[in-house]
Amino acid sequence: MSKKILTIQDISCYGSCSTTVALPILASFGVETCILPSAILSTHTAGFTGFTVLDLTDEMERITAHWQKENIKYDGIYTGYISDSKQFDIILSCVDNLLNNDGLFIVDPAMADHGKLYPALSVEIVEGMKKICEYADYVIPNITEACFLTDTPYQEEQSEEFINELLEKLIKIGAKNVILTSVSCGNKIGATYYNGKERVTVLKPIEEKSYHGTGDLFSSLVIAGIMNKKDIKENLEFATDFIIESILATVDDPNHNYAVKYEDVLNKKWAK
């Protein structure tokens, strides 16, 4: 029986990220995916100027109230980019009222990268992310987001000791499982899973070119694996390889610098 997940994040109308990535990826792996948009953006916020943002906080409340009347329930709730600090209470209400008793609450605290918050986000968003991470079954931050969540000064170069410190702090926040992304070691980069006891790390050679949206793509792939009860190492290996293949499918096209061509890779996976 297929699982049903609710993803709460923005819709970037152009740029292959957030909801427009989560929907096709999760659906491709057999997870019925419903959406609760936090905002509608004309484009994503990296590399574009003058983008428009329509906040949907009021509509989120109306949508979730309707769902409760219909007794709609989900096997998972997955959050991404949140545009307004008022939305965090709505998210926790969804967890309380819309998530099945054995359902999973998964937080991708999509708010920062390379030591800085995304444009238009404030410290109130950081505090809200901390709040919902306390209740999460899984938290999937990159290094920058982990630093903001744990009040740890950002380091571009990360030692093993620094990574260990971040993982322990994230567990202390309340998250049951942590998947820390953008973990680098020498000329390799990847992700580390930690649940307070078990630790699994997957590292791959660094690709020279980087693209916006790969974090959303990685999270969607990993969450599909989680919902399908895939082994954690196999899950991280698959998601990391998928990202690398998507980058390689894009590098020769200079006009496609706003996101990766993950569609080509997804098509190839199912064509096998």
Protein backbone atom coordinates (compact mmCIF):
# COMPACT_ATOMS: atom_id res chain seq x y z
CA MET A 1 0.00 0.00 0.00
CA SER A 2 1.49 3.34 -1.05
CA LYS A 3 2.28 6.01 1.51
CA LYS A 4 0.73 9.48 1.46
CA ILE A 5 2.92 12.49 2.31
CA LEU A 6 2.19 16.19 2.70
CA THR A 7 4.94 18.60 1.70
CA ILE A 8 4.80 22.13 3.14
CA GLN A 9 7.06 24.53 1.25
CA ASP A 10 7.02 27.20 -1.43
CA ILE A 11 6.17 26.90 -5.10
CA SER A 12 8.92 28.51 -7.18
CA CYS A 13 7.24 28.82 -10.56
CA TYR A 14 10.59 28.79 -12.42
CA GLY A 15 13.80 27.14 -11.33
CA SER A 16 13.22 23.45 -10.54
CA CYS A 17 13.28 23.45 -6.74
CA SER A 18 11.07 23.07 -3.67
CA THR A 19 7.54 21.80 -4.47
CA THR A 20 8.12 21.44 -8.22
CA VAL A 21 10.91 18.96 -7.43
CA ALA A 22 9.27 17.23 -4.45
CA LEU A 23 6.10 16.33 -6.36
CA PRO A 24 7.64 14.44 -9.31
CA ILE A 25 10.42 12.80 -7.30
CA LEU A 26 8.24 11.44 -4.51
CA ALA A 27 5.52 10.38 -6.94
CA SER A 28 8.07 8.56 -9.11
CA PHE A 29 8.99 6.41 -6.14
CA GLY A 30 5.41 5.51 -5.36
CA VAL A 31 4.66 8.07 -2.65
CA GLU A 32 1.35 9.90 -3.06
CA THR A 33 2.28 13.56 -2.60
CA CYS A 34 -0.02 16.38 -1.51
CA ILE A 35 1.02 20.00 -1.10
CA LEU A 36 0.48 22.90 1.29
CA PRO A 37 2.23 25.88 -0.35
CA SER A 38 3.84 28.38 2.03
CA ALA A 39 4.34 30.97 -0.72
CA ILE A 40 4.40 31.38 -4.49
CA LEU A 41 7.59 32.83 -5.97
CA SER A 42 8.04 33.85 -9.59
CA THR A 43 11.52 32.26 -9.51
CA HIS A 44 13.80 30.83 -6.88
CA THR A 45 15.96 33.37 -5.05
CA ALA A 46 19.42 32.46 -6.37
CA GLY A 47 20.68 34.27 -9.45
CA PHE A 48 17.44 36.14 -10.09
CA THR A 49 16.59 39.73 -9.10
CA GLY A 50 13.20 41.34 -8.68
CA PHE A 51 11.44 38.03 -8.02
CA THR A 52 7.89 38.22 -6.70
CA VAL A 53 6.65 36.55 -3.52
CA LEU A 54 3.03 35.88 -2.56
CA ASP A 55 2.72 34.83 1.09
CA LEU A 56 0.05 32.15 1.65
CA THR A 57 -0.14 32.05 5.46
CA ASP A 58 -3.86 32.91 5.62
CA GLU A 59 -4.73 30.39 2.93
CA MET A 60 -2.72 27.68 4.69
CA GLU A 61 -4.98 28.04 7.71
CA ARG A 62 -8.11 27.73 5.58
CA ILE A 63 -6.77 24.69 3.73
CA THR A 64 -5.78 22.81 6.87
CA ALA A 65 -9.11 23.61 8.56
CA HIS A 66 -10.89 22.07 5.56
CA TRP A 67 -8.69 18.97 5.71
CA GLN A 68 -9.51 18.48 9.38
CA LYS A 69 -13.23 18.61 8.60
CA GLU A 70 -12.67 15.97 5.91
CA ASN A 71 -10.63 13.85 8.36
CA ILE A 72 -7.70 13.73 5.91
CA LYS A 73 -4.57 12.10 7.33
CA TYR A 74 -0.99 11.65 6.13
CA ASP A 75 1.73 9.05 6.64
CA GLY A 76 4.36 11.77 6.49
CA ILE A 77 4.74 15.54 6.65
CA TYR A 78 7.78 17.08 5.00
CA THR A 79 8.61 20.78 5.35
CA GLY A 80 10.97 22.89 3.25
CA TYR A 81 11.27 26.66 2.62
CA ILE A 82 9.05 28.67 4.97
CA SER A 83 8.45 32.32 4.17
CA ASP A 84 6.71 33.64 7.30
CA SER A 85 7.37 32.85 10.96
CA LYS A 86 3.60 32.54 11.59
CA GLN A 87 3.61 29.39 9.49
CA PHE A 88 5.51 27.35 12.08
CA ASP A 89 2.46 27.13 14.35
CA ILE A 90 0.44 25.97 11.34
CA ILE A 91 3.04 23.26 10.70
CA LEU A 92 2.87 22.00 14.28
CA SER A 93 -0.93 22.01 14.07
CA CYS A 94 -0.64 19.82 10.96
CA VAL A 95 1.59 17.41 12.87
CA ASP A 96 -0.94 17.27 15.73
CA ASN A 97 -4.09 16.98 13.62
CA LEU A 98 -3.20 15.57 10.20
CA LEU A 99 -0.36 13.10 10.80
CA ASN A 100 -1.17 9.44 11.45
CA ASN A 101 -0.06 8.11 14.82
CA ASP A 102 2.78 6.16 13.20
CA GLY A 103 3.52 8.91 10.65
CA LEU A 104 6.85 10.67 10.18
CA PHE A 105 7.54 14.39 10.55
CA ILE A 106 10.54 15.38 8.41
CA VAL A 107 12.12 18.85 8.38
CA ASP A 108 14.37 20.17 5.65
CA PRO A 109 15.25 23.58 7.16
CA ALA A 110 15.75 25.18 3.74
CA MET A 111 16.88 28.65 4.76
CA ALA A 112 20.63 29.10 4.21
CA ASP A 113 23.79 28.09 2.39
CA HIS A 114 27.46 29.10 2.24
CA GLY A 115 27.25 30.72 5.67
CA LYS A 116 24.31 33.03 4.90
CA LEU A 117 20.53 33.06 5.13
CA TYR A 118 18.57 33.10 1.88
CA PRO A 119 17.38 36.57 0.74
CA ALA A 120 14.29 37.93 2.53
CA LEU A 121 14.61 35.51 5.48
CA SER A 122 15.06 36.75 9.04
CA VAL A 123 16.20 35.50 12.43
CA GLU A 124 12.53 34.73 13.20
CA ILE A 125 12.65 32.01 10.55
CA VAL A 126 15.72 30.49 12.22
CA GLU A 127 13.96 30.45 15.60
CA GLY A 128 10.88 28.88 14.03
CA MET A 129 12.98 26.17 12.38
CA LYS A 130 14.56 25.39 15.75
CA LYS A 131 11.09 25.03 17.22
CA ILE A 132 9.77 22.52 14.68
CA CYS A 133 13.05 20.54 14.71
CA GLU A 134 12.31 19.69 18.35
CA TYR A 135 9.42 17.50 17.13
CA ALA A 136 11.02 16.07 14.00
CA ASP A 137 11.62 12.40 13.30
CA TYR A 138 14.20 13.47 10.70
CA VAL A 139 16.05 16.75 10.16
CA ILE A 140 17.95 17.25 6.88
CA PRO A 141 20.08 20.43 7.13
CA ASN A 142 23.16 21.42 5.19
CA ILE A 143 26.21 22.61 7.14
CA THR A 144 25.12 26.27 7.15
CA GLU A 145 21.59 25.43 8.31
CA ALA A 146 22.97 23.16 11.03
CA CYS A 147 25.11 26.04 12.27
CA PHE A 148 22.12 28.39 12.43
CA LEU A 149 20.01 25.75 14.19
CA THR A 150 22.67 25.11 16.83
CA ASP A 151 24.09 28.64 17.22
CA THR A 152 27.45 27.39 16.00
CA PRO A 153 29.82 29.74 14.12
CA TYR A 154 30.01 28.69 10.48
CA GLN A 155 33.21 27.12 9.17
CA GLU A 156 33.91 26.81 5.44
CA GLU A 157 36.49 24.10 6.17
CA GLN A 158 35.05 21.41 8.44
CA SER A 159 37.03 19.10 10.67
CA GLU A 160 35.77 15.73 11.89
CA GLU A 161 35.46 17.25 15.35
CA PHE A 162 33.30 20.10 13.99
CA ILE A 163 30.96 17.67 12.20
CA ASN A 164 30.64 15.53 15.33
CA GLU A 165 29.78 18.63 17.35
CA LEU A 166 27.04 19.65 14.91
CA LEU A 167 25.51 16.17 14.88
CA GLU A 168 25.39 15.95 18.66
CA LYS A 169 23.88 19.42 18.97
CA LEU A 170 21.18 18.61 16.41
CA ILE A 171 20.21 15.48 18.32
CA LYS A 172 20.05 17.53 21.54
CA ILE A 173 17.58 19.91 19.88
CA GLY A 174 15.16 16.96 19.81
CA ALA A 175 15.43 15.45 16.33
CA LYS A 176 15.41 11.66 16.43
CA ASN A 177 17.44 11.27 13.23
CA VAL A 178 19.77 13.72 11.47
CA ILE A 179 20.94 13.65 7.86
CA LEU A 180 23.62 16.34 7.55
CA THR A 181 24.34 17.34 3.95
CA SER A 182 27.22 19.21 2.26
CA VAL A 183 29.68 17.38 4.51
CA SER A 184 33.13 17.72 2.95
CA CYS A 185 36.34 15.82 3.48
CA GLY A 186 39.31 16.68 1.29
CA ASN A 187 38.15 16.49 -2.33
CA LYS A 188 34.95 14.63 -1.44
CA ILE A 189 31.49 15.75 -0.38
CA GLY A 190 28.36 13.95 0.77
CA ALA A 191 26.06 13.35 3.71
CA THR A 192 26.15 11.86 7.19
CA TYR A 193 23.30 10.12 9.02
CA TYR A 194 23.23 10.06 12.83
CA ASN A 195 20.62 9.01 15.39
CA GLY A 196 22.62 9.47 18.57
CA LYS A 197 24.17 6.01 18.26
CA GLU A 198 24.56 4.82 14.68
CA ARG A 199 26.45 6.91 12.13
CA VAL A 200 26.62 6.40 8.36
CA THR A 201 28.59 8.62 5.98
CA VAL A 202 28.60 8.63 2.18
CA LEU A 203 31.18 10.78 0.36
CA LYS A 204 31.71 11.25 -3.38
CA PRO A 205 34.25 13.26 -5.45
CA ILE A 206 33.34 16.96 -5.59
CA GLU A 207 31.97 18.23 -8.90
CA GLU A 208 33.35 21.62 -9.94
CA LYS A 209 29.98 23.03 -10.96
CA SER A 210 27.18 23.60 -8.44
CA TYR A 211 23.51 24.41 -9.00
CA HIS A 212 20.65 25.80 -6.97
CA GLY A 213 17.98 23.25 -6.02
CA THR A 214 20.21 20.21 -5.55
CA GLY A 215 19.51 20.32 -1.81
CA ASP A 216 15.76 20.10 -2.46
CA LEU A 217 16.37 17.30 -4.93
CA PHE A 218 18.55 15.38 -2.46
CA SER A 219 15.98 15.76 0.34
CA SER A 220 13.14 14.56 -1.89
CA LEU A 221 15.13 11.50 -2.96
CA VAL A 222 16.11 10.64 0.62
CA ILE A 223 12.56 11.16 1.89
CA ALA A 224 11.24 8.84 -0.83
CA GLY A 225 13.70 6.25 0.48
CA ILE A 226 12.65 6.83 4.08
CA MET A 227 8.96 6.45 3.23
CA ASN A 228 9.78 3.22 1.39
CA LYS A 229 11.89 1.95 4.33
CA LYS A 230 15.10 1.78 2.30
CA ASP A 231 18.35 0.98 4.13
CA ILE A 232 19.96 4.29 5.16
CA LYS A 233 23.34 3.67 3.50
CA GLU A 234 21.72 2.50 0.29
CA ASN A 235 19.40 5.51 0.49
CA LEU A 236 22.25 8.04 0.85
CA GLU A 237 24.31 6.33 -1.86
CA PHE A 238 21.42 6.43 -4.32
CA ALA A 239 20.52 10.06 -3.61
CA THR A 240 24.14 11.24 -3.81
CA ASP A 241 24.78 9.40 -7.08
CA PHE A 242 21.54 10.83 -8.49
CA ILE A 243 22.70 14.39 -7.71
CA ILE A 244 26.08 13.79 -9.33
CA GLU A 245 24.46 12.33 -12.46
CA SER A 246 22.10 15.32 -12.61
CA ILE A 247 25.01 17.77 -12.44
CA LEU A 248 26.87 15.88 -15.17
CA ALA A 249 23.74 15.93 -17.33
CA THR A 250 23.67 19.73 -17.07
CA VAL A 251 27.26 21.01 -17.23
CA ASP A 252 27.48 21.11 -21.02
CA ASP A 253 24.45 23.41 -21.33
CA PRO A 254 25.47 27.01 -20.43
CA ASN A 255 21.87 28.18 -20.84
CA HIS A 256 20.67 25.86 -18.09
CA ASN A 257 22.54 27.34 -15.14
CA TYR A 258 19.56 27.88 -12.80
CA ALA A 259 19.00 24.20 -11.84
CA VAL A 260 20.03 20.66 -12.77
CA LYS A 261 18.43 18.54 -15.47
CA TYR A 262 17.26 15.92 -13.03
CA GLU A 263 14.46 14.92 -15.41
CA ASP A 264 17.00 13.30 -17.77
CA VAL A 265 18.39 11.22 -14.90
CA LEU A 266 14.97 10.28 -13.55
CA ASN A 267 13.90 9.15 -17.01
CA LYS A 268 17.06 7.06 -17.34
CA LYS A 269 16.49 5.40 -13.95
CA TRP A 270 13.03 4.24 -14.98
CA ALA A 271 14.09 3.30 -18.50
CA LYS A 272 16.49 0.67 -17.16
